[in-house]
Amino acid sequence: MTQSPAPLPPPKLRRHLREAASLTHDQVAERVGVARETVRAWESGRTTPRGRRREAYAKLLASLTEADMVTNTQEAARPPQVTVCLNNDPHHPETLGIPEAPEVPGGAGAAGTAGSPGTAGNAGNAGNVPGGSGGPGGQGDPEDPGDPGGRPAGTTLTPVQAFDALYAFCAPALVRQAYLLSGRRELARESVERAFQVAWQRWPEVAVDRDPAGWVRATAYEYALSPWHRFRPRYRHPEPPPSDAADRALLDVLLTLPTPYRRTLLLYDGVGLDLPETAAETEASTPATANRLLHAREAVAARLPELASPSALHRRLAEVASAERLRAAEPTTVRAGSEQRARFWTRAAIAFTVAIIGATALTVRTAPTRYEPAVPPGETVRGVPPRSAPGTLSDAELNLRAKLRSGLQHGPQRLIPLAE
């Protein structure tokens, strides 16, 4: 008698159970005995496990289901919470357990459960910020589910505290990612600073966003890849390349890739996003994103054959990003710059409006108040003989002309009065 296969939950529920248990793809793959890409395929529904792998995977999901039910029972009595993702990797959200504030101007802080380490490790940044790792410049493993600033879970954050927590959590990683995109250290810092300035100006919207880290990352990427930087005098000349020859070679290959290919490669093989989420962030279809990724990998492997493996490419991206000493500005400086920029544009808008109002008032003041008819066209004046054109000469006029011509042949003669 054939034994029926172990039942499995739907693909979306599989991913939910893994994220609820704060497990990464690597951790699940290690427990089941498969590769990380296989776990991704199982969660997306592209493939289905069979045999012993199916039994091991089903047993793992069953244990995660029991743990999730216990967690839901314990959290049922807690006050409502607002979840704000703080990790660079939206697959593994690093959140803060904070009850929802009743009314907080400018957006509330983050809430939720402690996250897990991301899919792509980076030892160079593990000690800078708490949370999961996330590709080049990713975060280290979390040790405390509380706030990165040292506040215990369950406390209410003001908008300033929530913004500072998000900045401290994401800025170091984003600076390294922007450096891989642009190849310029100063532009990488400026891109991240400008992205967080925009986020602070629109904080009520960003605070309740499903993925605040992804929102800021997309803004920083757009600024770093803007083609208008080539017209700025400070960015006309290339910066000094990395000192290591291998890092310099990889960075040169990345900068030779087209902008969409470079961004897709960094998001998928660097940050560790899934293909649909990479496509959504790059505003492209999933097949187009897959083609970009394949062509980018082929271009890198053609010049650097040792990076043909995705895992090796991911490791080298993290090493190149961590080799540069890139530090982001302080969150207070970013907030001050954002507020200063907002004041400048507000005053400029007010001045422009006042100029328009003044020009309109001057026009109204100097405009004629009555109708002035136009000058009528000219009319023909009657009673004046028309001017005739010269016609043929008469006989007397012809004789006179002949006499004048004949008398002046020898030059002018002196006139002597004669007596008659």
Protein backbone atom coordinates (compact mmCIF):
# COMPACT_ATOMS: atom_id res chain seq x y z
CA MET A 1 0.00 0.00 0.00
CA THR A 2 1.42 3.38 -1.04
CA GLN A 3 1.90 5.89 1.74
CA SER A 4 0.34 9.27 1.09
CA PRO A 5 2.76 12.23 1.09
CA ALA A 6 2.90 14.52 4.09
CA PRO A 7 0.48 17.46 3.78
CA LEU A 8 1.95 20.91 3.24
CA PRO A 9 0.37 24.34 3.81
CA PRO A 10 0.01 26.78 0.89
CA PRO A 11 3.18 28.59 -0.29
CA LYS A 12 2.18 31.92 1.26
CA LEU A 13 1.56 30.26 4.61
CA ARG A 14 4.96 28.55 4.44
CA ARG A 15 6.68 31.88 4.11
CA HIS A 16 4.53 33.39 6.85
CA LEU A 17 5.45 30.60 9.26
CA ARG A 18 9.14 31.00 8.52
CA GLU A 19 9.05 34.77 9.03
CA ALA A 20 6.96 34.42 12.19
CA ALA A 21 9.60 32.11 13.61
CA SER A 22 12.38 34.59 12.65
CA LEU A 23 14.09 32.09 10.37
CA THR A 24 16.01 32.86 7.21
CA HIS A 25 16.10 30.87 4.00
CA ASP A 26 19.57 29.65 4.94
CA GLN A 27 18.42 28.39 8.33
CA VAL A 28 15.44 26.52 6.88
CA ALA A 29 17.61 25.08 4.11
CA GLU A 30 20.14 23.87 6.67
CA ARG A 31 17.46 22.12 8.72
CA VAL A 32 15.86 20.43 5.73
CA GLY A 33 19.14 19.72 3.94
CA VAL A 34 18.61 21.67 0.72
CA ALA A 35 19.90 24.86 -0.89
CA ARG A 36 18.54 28.31 -0.14
CA GLU A 37 17.19 28.68 -3.69
CA THR A 38 15.18 25.48 -3.20
CA VAL A 39 13.47 26.91 -0.12
CA ARG A 40 12.65 30.07 -2.07
CA ALA A 41 11.13 27.98 -4.85
CA TRP A 42 9.01 26.06 -2.32
CA GLU A 43 7.71 29.28 -0.76
CA SER A 44 6.92 30.83 -4.12
CA GLY A 45 5.10 27.73 -5.32
CA ARG A 46 7.33 27.11 -8.33
CA THR A 47 8.33 23.66 -7.09
CA THR A 48 7.03 21.14 -4.55
CA PRO A 49 9.24 19.01 -2.26
CA ARG A 50 9.12 15.24 -2.58
CA GLY A 51 10.29 12.21 -0.68
CA ARG A 52 12.28 12.64 2.49
CA ARG A 53 12.71 16.36 1.91
CA ARG A 54 8.94 16.75 1.86
CA GLU A 55 8.60 14.89 5.15
CA ALA A 56 11.35 16.94 6.81
CA TYR A 57 9.88 20.18 5.47
CA ALA A 58 6.36 19.24 6.57
CA LYS A 59 7.61 18.33 10.06
CA LEU A 60 9.42 21.67 10.33
CA LEU A 61 6.33 23.62 9.21
CA ALA A 62 4.19 21.71 11.70
CA SER A 63 6.49 22.74 14.54
CA LEU A 64 6.45 26.33 13.30
CA THR A 65 2.64 26.22 13.16
CA GLU A 66 2.44 25.19 16.81
CA ALA A 67 4.87 27.92 17.81
CA ASP A 68 2.90 30.48 15.80
CA MET A 69 -0.35 29.47 17.49
CA VAL A 70 1.24 29.92 20.92
CA THR A 71 2.60 33.32 19.92
CA ASN A 72 -0.76 34.48 18.60
CA THR A 73 -2.45 33.39 21.83
CA GLN A 74 0.04 35.37 23.91
CA GLU A 75 -0.24 38.47 21.73
CA ALA A 76 -4.04 38.43 21.67
CA ALA A 77 -4.17 40.23 25.03
CA ARG A 78 -1.61 42.88 24.01
CA PRO A 79 -2.64 46.37 22.80
CA PRO A 80 -2.74 46.96 19.02
CA GLN A 81 0.59 47.62 17.41
CA VAL A 82 1.86 49.34 14.29
CA THR A 83 4.61 47.47 12.44
CA VAL A 84 7.34 49.42 10.70
CA CYS A 85 10.03 47.38 8.96
CA LEU A 86 13.49 48.54 9.85
CA ASN A 87 15.61 45.99 8.03
CA ASN A 88 17.05 46.42 4.56
CA ASP A 89 15.66 43.02 3.65
CA PRO A 90 11.84 43.11 3.60
CA HIS A 91 11.79 39.29 3.76
CA HIS A 92 13.05 39.43 7.32
CA PRO A 93 11.64 42.59 8.89
CA GLU A 94 13.50 43.87 11.88
CA THR A 95 10.86 45.56 14.00
CA LEU A 96 10.47 47.10 17.39
CA GLY A 97 7.80 45.91 19.80
CA ILE A 98 6.01 49.20 20.48
CA PRO A 99 2.31 49.66 21.27
CA GLU A 100 0.45 52.00 18.99
CA ALA A 101 0.37 55.58 20.20
CA PRO A 102 -3.11 57.15 20.15
CA GLU A 103 -2.05 60.40 18.50
CA VAL A 104 1.54 61.17 17.56
CA PRO A 105 2.14 64.01 15.11
CA GLY A 106 4.33 63.11 12.21
CA GLY A 107 3.88 59.33 12.51
CA ALA A 108 4.59 56.84 15.26
CA GLY A 109 7.47 54.53 15.83
CA ALA A 110 7.82 50.93 14.78
CA ALA A 111 6.22 47.94 16.38
CA GLY A 112 6.23 44.20 16.01
CA THR A 113 8.48 41.34 16.92
CA ALA A 114 12.20 40.94 16.86
CA GLY A 115 13.46 40.07 13.36
CA SER A 116 15.95 37.55 12.16
CA PRO A 117 19.24 37.82 10.37
CA GLY A 118 18.83 38.55 6.67
CA THR A 119 19.67 36.35 3.77
CA ALA A 120 23.01 37.86 2.91
CA GLY A 121 25.61 38.28 5.62
CA ASN A 122 28.15 41.06 5.98
CA ALA A 123 30.64 40.83 8.76
CA GLY A 124 31.92 44.32 8.03
CA ASN A 125 28.73 45.87 9.28
CA ALA A 126 27.68 43.36 11.89
CA GLY A 127 28.83 45.54 14.74
CA ASN A 128 27.46 48.83 13.48
CA VAL A 129 23.72 48.35 13.70
CA PRO A 130 21.48 45.68 15.16
CA GLY A 131 19.23 43.47 13.09
CA GLY A 132 19.65 41.01 10.26
CA SER A 133 22.33 41.06 7.65
CA GLY A 134 21.34 42.27 4.25
CA GLY A 135 23.87 41.83 1.52
CA PRO A 136 26.54 44.49 0.94
CA GLY A 137 26.56 46.58 4.06
CA GLY A 138 23.80 44.52 5.66
CA GLN A 139 23.03 44.41 9.37
CA GLY A 140 24.39 41.97 11.91
CA ASP A 141 22.47 39.39 13.89
CA PRO A 142 20.01 40.78 16.45
CA GLU A 143 20.75 40.21 20.08
CA ASP A 144 17.93 42.21 21.61
CA PRO A 145 14.39 42.65 20.30
CA GLY A 146 14.33 46.11 21.78
CA ASP A 147 15.07 49.41 20.14
CA PRO A 148 18.53 49.97 18.55
CA GLY A 149 18.91 53.02 20.76
CA GLY A 150 18.69 50.92 23.93
CA ARG A 151 15.00 51.40 24.73
CA PRO A 152 13.19 48.27 25.89
CA ALA A 153 10.41 46.77 23.83
CA GLY A 154 6.95 48.01 24.68
CA THR A 155 7.78 51.73 24.90
CA THR A 156 6.27 54.42 22.69
CA LEU A 157 8.58 56.19 20.25
CA THR A 158 8.20 59.76 19.17
CA PRO A 159 8.58 60.54 15.44
CA VAL A 160 12.13 61.76 16.05
CA GLN A 161 13.09 58.58 17.91
CA ALA A 162 11.47 56.35 15.26
CA PHE A 163 13.28 58.20 12.47
CA ASP A 164 16.61 57.99 14.28
CA ALA A 165 16.10 54.26 14.82
CA LEU A 166 15.32 53.70 11.14
CA TYR A 167 18.31 55.82 10.11
CA ALA A 168 20.74 54.07 12.46
CA PHE A 169 19.43 50.72 11.27
CA CYS A 170 19.52 51.28 7.51
CA ALA A 171 21.92 54.14 6.70
CA PRO A 172 25.26 52.25 7.05
CA ALA A 173 24.08 49.51 4.70
CA LEU A 174 22.58 51.93 2.20
CA VAL A 175 25.80 53.94 1.96
CA ARG A 176 27.71 50.81 0.95
CA GLN A 177 25.04 49.78 -1.54
CA ALA A 178 25.01 53.25 -3.10
CA TYR A 179 28.78 53.06 -3.42
CA LEU A 180 28.50 49.83 -5.41
CA LEU A 181 25.92 51.49 -7.65
CA SER A 182 27.74 54.75 -8.33
CA GLY A 183 31.39 54.01 -7.60
CA ARG A 184 31.66 57.34 -5.76
CA ARG A 185 32.04 57.62 -2.02
CA GLU A 186 30.79 61.17 -1.64
CA LEU A 187 27.83 60.57 -3.93
CA ALA A 188 26.91 57.47 -1.92
CA ARG A 189 26.79 59.45 1.32
CA GLU A 190 24.88 62.27 -0.36
CA SER A 191 22.34 59.85 -1.85
CA VAL A 192 21.53 58.27 1.50
CA GLU A 193 21.37 61.64 3.23
CA ARG A 194 19.03 63.05 0.57
CA ALA A 195 16.81 59.94 0.71
CA PHE A 196 16.40 60.24 4.48
CA GLN A 197 15.76 63.97 4.18
CA VAL A 198 12.87 63.23 1.85
CA ALA A 199 11.71 60.51 4.24
CA TRP A 200 11.69 62.96 7.15
CA GLN A 201 9.70 65.47 5.13
CA ARG A 202 7.15 62.75 4.35
CA TRP A 203 7.46 60.90 7.63
CA PRO A 204 3.72 60.44 8.27
CA GLU A 205 3.58 58.51 5.01
CA VAL A 206 6.84 56.61 5.52
CA ALA A 207 6.07 55.66 9.14
CA VAL A 208 2.97 53.68 8.15
CA ASP A 209 4.49 52.25 4.98
CA ARG A 210 4.65 48.47 4.67
CA ASP A 211 8.42 48.59 4.10
CA PRO A 212 10.02 51.91 5.20
CA ALA A 213 13.51 50.56 4.55
CA GLY A 214 12.55 49.66 0.98
CA TRP A 215 11.01 53.11 0.53
CA VAL A 216 14.23 54.82 1.56
CA ARG A 217 16.37 52.36 -0.41
CA ALA A 218 14.46 53.04 -3.64
CA THR A 219 14.82 56.79 -3.13
CA ALA A 220 18.56 56.51 -2.46
CA TYR A 221 19.06 54.30 -5.52
CA GLU A 222 17.20 56.72 -7.77
CA TYR A 223 19.33 59.63 -6.57
CA ALA A 224 22.60 57.72 -6.85
CA LEU A 225 21.83 56.59 -10.42
CA SER A 226 20.56 59.96 -11.64
CA PRO A 227 22.26 60.88 -14.95
CA TRP A 228 22.29 64.57 -14.05
CA HIS A 229 25.27 64.12 -11.71
CA ARG A 230 27.59 64.03 -14.71
CA PHE A 231 26.98 67.77 -15.24
CA ARG A 232 28.04 68.67 -11.70
CA PRO A 233 31.64 69.95 -11.52
CA ARG A 234 32.48 67.88 -8.44
CA TYR A 235 31.49 64.63 -10.17
CA ARG A 236 33.05 65.17 -13.59
CA HIS A 237 36.27 63.41 -12.70
CA PRO A 238 36.45 59.82 -11.38
CA GLU A 239 37.36 59.14 -7.77
CA PRO A 240 40.40 57.07 -6.74
CA PRO A 241 39.58 53.36 -7.19
CA PRO A 242 39.90 50.80 -4.36
CA SER A 243 43.43 49.87 -3.40
CA ASP A 244 42.88 46.12 -3.76
CA ALA A 245 43.18 44.87 -7.34
CA ALA A 246 40.35 42.33 -6.98
CA ASP A 247 37.99 44.92 -5.53
CA ARG A 248 38.95 47.35 -8.27
CA ALA A 249 38.25 44.76 -10.97
CA LEU A 250 34.80 43.91 -9.57
CA LEU A 251 33.86 47.56 -9.21
CA ASP A 252 34.95 48.25 -12.79
CA VAL A 253 32.76 45.41 -14.03
CA LEU A 254 29.78 46.70 -12.07
CA LEU A 255 30.18 50.24 -13.41
CA THR A 256 30.32 48.98 -17.00
CA LEU A 257 26.92 47.31 -16.64
CA PRO A 258 23.81 49.26 -17.72
CA THR A 259 22.07 51.00 -14.87
CA PRO A 260 19.01 48.66 -14.72
CA TYR A 261 21.26 45.57 -14.84
CA ARG A 262 23.50 46.90 -12.08
CA ARG A 263 20.56 47.72 -9.83
CA THR A 264 18.91 44.34 -10.41
CA LEU A 265 22.14 42.47 -9.68
CA LEU A 266 22.69 44.37 -6.44
CA LEU A 267 19.13 43.89 -5.21
CA TYR A 268 18.99 40.17 -5.97
CA ASP A 269 22.54 38.93 -5.35
CA GLY A 270 23.56 41.65 -2.92
CA VAL A 271 20.60 42.64 -0.77
CA GLY A 272 18.89 39.26 -1.21
CA LEU A 273 15.45 40.22 -2.50
CA ASP A 274 13.27 37.73 -4.33
CA LEU A 275 12.77 38.09 -8.06
CA PRO A 276 9.19 39.48 -7.87
CA GLU A 277 10.21 42.02 -5.23
CA THR A 278 13.28 43.01 -7.26
CA ALA A 279 11.02 43.49 -10.27
CA ALA A 280 8.62 45.62 -8.23
CA GLU A 281 11.38 47.85 -6.90
CA THR A 282 12.96 48.31 -10.33
CA GLU A 283 9.51 48.90 -11.89
CA ALA A 284 9.90 46.09 -14.42
CA SER A 285 8.16 42.83 -15.18
CA THR A 286 9.41 39.63 -13.62
CA PRO A 287 10.62 38.11 -16.96
CA ALA A 288 12.45 41.34 -17.81
CA THR A 289 14.08 41.37 -14.37
CA ALA A 290 15.15 37.73 -14.78
CA ASN A 291 16.74 38.52 -18.15
CA ARG A 292 18.56 41.52 -16.69
CA LEU A 293 19.87 39.39 -13.85
CA LEU A 294 21.09 36.64 -16.19
CA HIS A 295 22.81 39.08 -18.53
CA ALA A 296 24.45 40.88 -15.60
CA ARG A 297 25.75 37.61 -14.19
CA GLU A 298 27.06 36.59 -17.59
CA ALA A 299 28.87 39.92 -17.98
CA VAL A 300 30.48 39.57 -14.55
CA ALA A 301 31.42 35.93 -15.15
CA ALA A 302 32.93 36.75 -18.56
CA ARG A 303 35.46 39.12 -17.00
CA LEU A 304 35.73 37.46 -13.57
CA PRO A 305 35.22 33.70 -13.99
CA GLU A 306 35.75 33.05 -10.30
CA LEU A 307 32.46 34.92 -9.60
CA ALA A 308 30.28 32.72 -11.81
CA SER A 309 28.66 31.24 -8.71
CA PRO A 310 25.91 33.44 -7.15
CA SER A 311 27.19 32.68 -3.66
CA ALA A 312 30.72 33.75 -4.59
CA LEU A 313 29.38 36.91 -6.21
CA HIS A 314 27.34 37.69 -3.13
CA ARG A 315 30.36 37.23 -0.88
CA ARG A 316 32.56 39.45 -3.03
CA LEU A 317 29.94 42.19 -3.18
CA ALA A 318 29.81 42.21 0.61
CA GLU A 319 33.60 42.30 0.84
CA VAL A 320 33.97 45.18 -1.62
CA ALA A 321 31.27 47.18 0.12
CA SER A 322 32.78 46.57 3.55
CA ALA A 323 36.34 47.38 2.46
CA GLU A 324 35.55 51.08 2.07
CA ARG A 325 35.24 53.17 5.21
CA LEU A 326 31.96 54.87 4.42
CA ARG A 327 30.21 56.58 7.29
CA ALA A 328 26.80 58.16 7.13
CA ALA A 329 26.04 61.51 8.72
CA GLU A 330 24.40 61.81 12.09
CA PRO A 331 20.58 61.58 12.12
CA THR A 332 20.35 65.00 13.78
CA THR A 333 22.28 66.49 10.87
CA VAL A 334 20.00 64.80 8.36
CA ARG A 335 16.86 66.00 10.11
CA ALA A 336 18.25 69.54 10.37
CA GLY A 337 19.15 69.53 6.68
CA SER A 338 15.70 68.25 5.77
CA GLU A 339 13.98 70.96 7.79
CA GLN A 340 16.30 73.63 6.37
CA ARG A 341 15.58 72.47 2.83
CA ALA A 342 11.85 72.44 3.53
CA ARG A 343 12.03 76.00 4.90
CA PHE A 344 13.99 77.15 1.85
CA TRP A 345 11.49 75.75 -0.63
CA THR A 346 8.58 77.05 1.43
CA ARG A 347 10.03 80.56 1.42
CA ALA A 348 10.79 80.28 -2.31
CA ALA A 349 7.20 79.23 -2.98
CA ILE A 350 5.90 82.13 -0.86
CA ALA A 351 8.19 84.61 -2.68
CA PHE A 352 7.08 83.29 -6.07
CA THR A 353 3.43 83.57 -5.05
CA VAL A 354 3.96 87.12 -3.80
CA ALA A 355 5.65 88.03 -7.09
CA ILE A 356 2.71 86.66 -9.07
CA ILE A 357 0.25 88.54 -6.87
CA GLY A 358 2.25 91.78 -7.26
CA ALA A 359 2.45 91.41 -11.05
CA THR A 360 -1.29 90.76 -11.19
CA ALA A 361 -2.05 93.80 -9.01
CA LEU A 362 0.20 96.03 -11.16
CA THR A 363 -1.50 94.81 -14.30
CA VAL A 364 -4.93 95.51 -12.85
CA ARG A 365 -3.79 98.96 -11.67
CA THR A 366 -2.30 100.07 -15.00
CA ALA A 367 -4.88 98.51 -17.29
CA PRO A 368 -7.27 100.98 -19.09
CA THR A 369 -10.66 101.42 -17.47
CA ARG A 370 -12.57 102.44 -20.60
CA TYR A 371 -12.70 101.36 -24.21
CA GLU A 372 -10.45 103.26 -26.58
CA PRO A 373 -11.30 102.64 -30.21
CA ALA A 374 -8.50 101.89 -32.56
CA VAL A 375 -7.23 104.45 -35.11
CA PRO A 376 -9.38 104.13 -38.24
CA PRO A 377 -7.67 103.39 -41.56
CA GLY A 378 -6.76 106.33 -43.86
CA GLU A 379 -9.21 107.78 -46.43
CA THR A 380 -8.59 109.31 -49.88
CA VAL A 381 -8.48 113.14 -49.88
CA ARG A 382 -10.47 114.59 -52.80
CA GLY A 383 -9.89 117.94 -54.67
CA VAL A 384 -6.12 117.68 -55.04
CA PRO A 385 -4.89 116.88 -58.57
CA PRO A 386 -3.02 113.68 -58.69
CA ARG A 387 0.69 113.81 -59.25
CA SER A 388 1.37 113.00 -62.86
CA ALA A 389 4.26 111.02 -64.09
CA PRO A 390 6.79 112.57 -66.50
CA GLY A 391 5.72 112.19 -70.13
CA THR A 392 7.27 112.91 -73.57
CA LEU A 393 8.95 116.31 -74.23
CA SER A 394 7.37 118.89 -76.50
CA ASP A 395 9.16 120.47 -79.50
CA ALA A 396 10.13 123.56 -77.53
CA GLU A 397 11.53 121.49 -74.71
CA LEU A 398 13.50 119.40 -77.17
CA ASN A 399 15.01 122.52 -78.80
CA LEU A 400 15.91 123.93 -75.41
CA ARG A 401 17.61 120.75 -74.37
CA ALA A 402 19.60 120.66 -77.64
CA LYS A 403 20.67 124.30 -77.18
CA LEU A 404 21.85 123.69 -73.63
CA ARG A 405 23.83 120.67 -74.60
CA SER A 406 25.52 122.41 -77.53
CA GLY A 407 26.43 125.52 -75.55
CA LEU A 408 28.26 123.63 -72.82
CA GLN A 409 30.56 121.60 -75.02
CA HIS A 410 33.60 123.92 -74.48
CA GLY A 411 33.08 124.54 -70.82
CA PRO A 412 31.28 127.28 -69.01
CA GLN A 413 31.40 130.75 -70.60
CA ARG A 414 31.73 133.98 -68.74
CA LEU A 415 28.58 135.97 -68.91
CA ILE A 416 29.09 139.50 -70.13
CA PRO A 417 26.19 141.91 -70.04
CA LEU A 418 25.52 143.39 -73.46
CA ALA A 419 23.75 146.63 -74.18
CA GLU A 420 20.78 146.41 -76.39
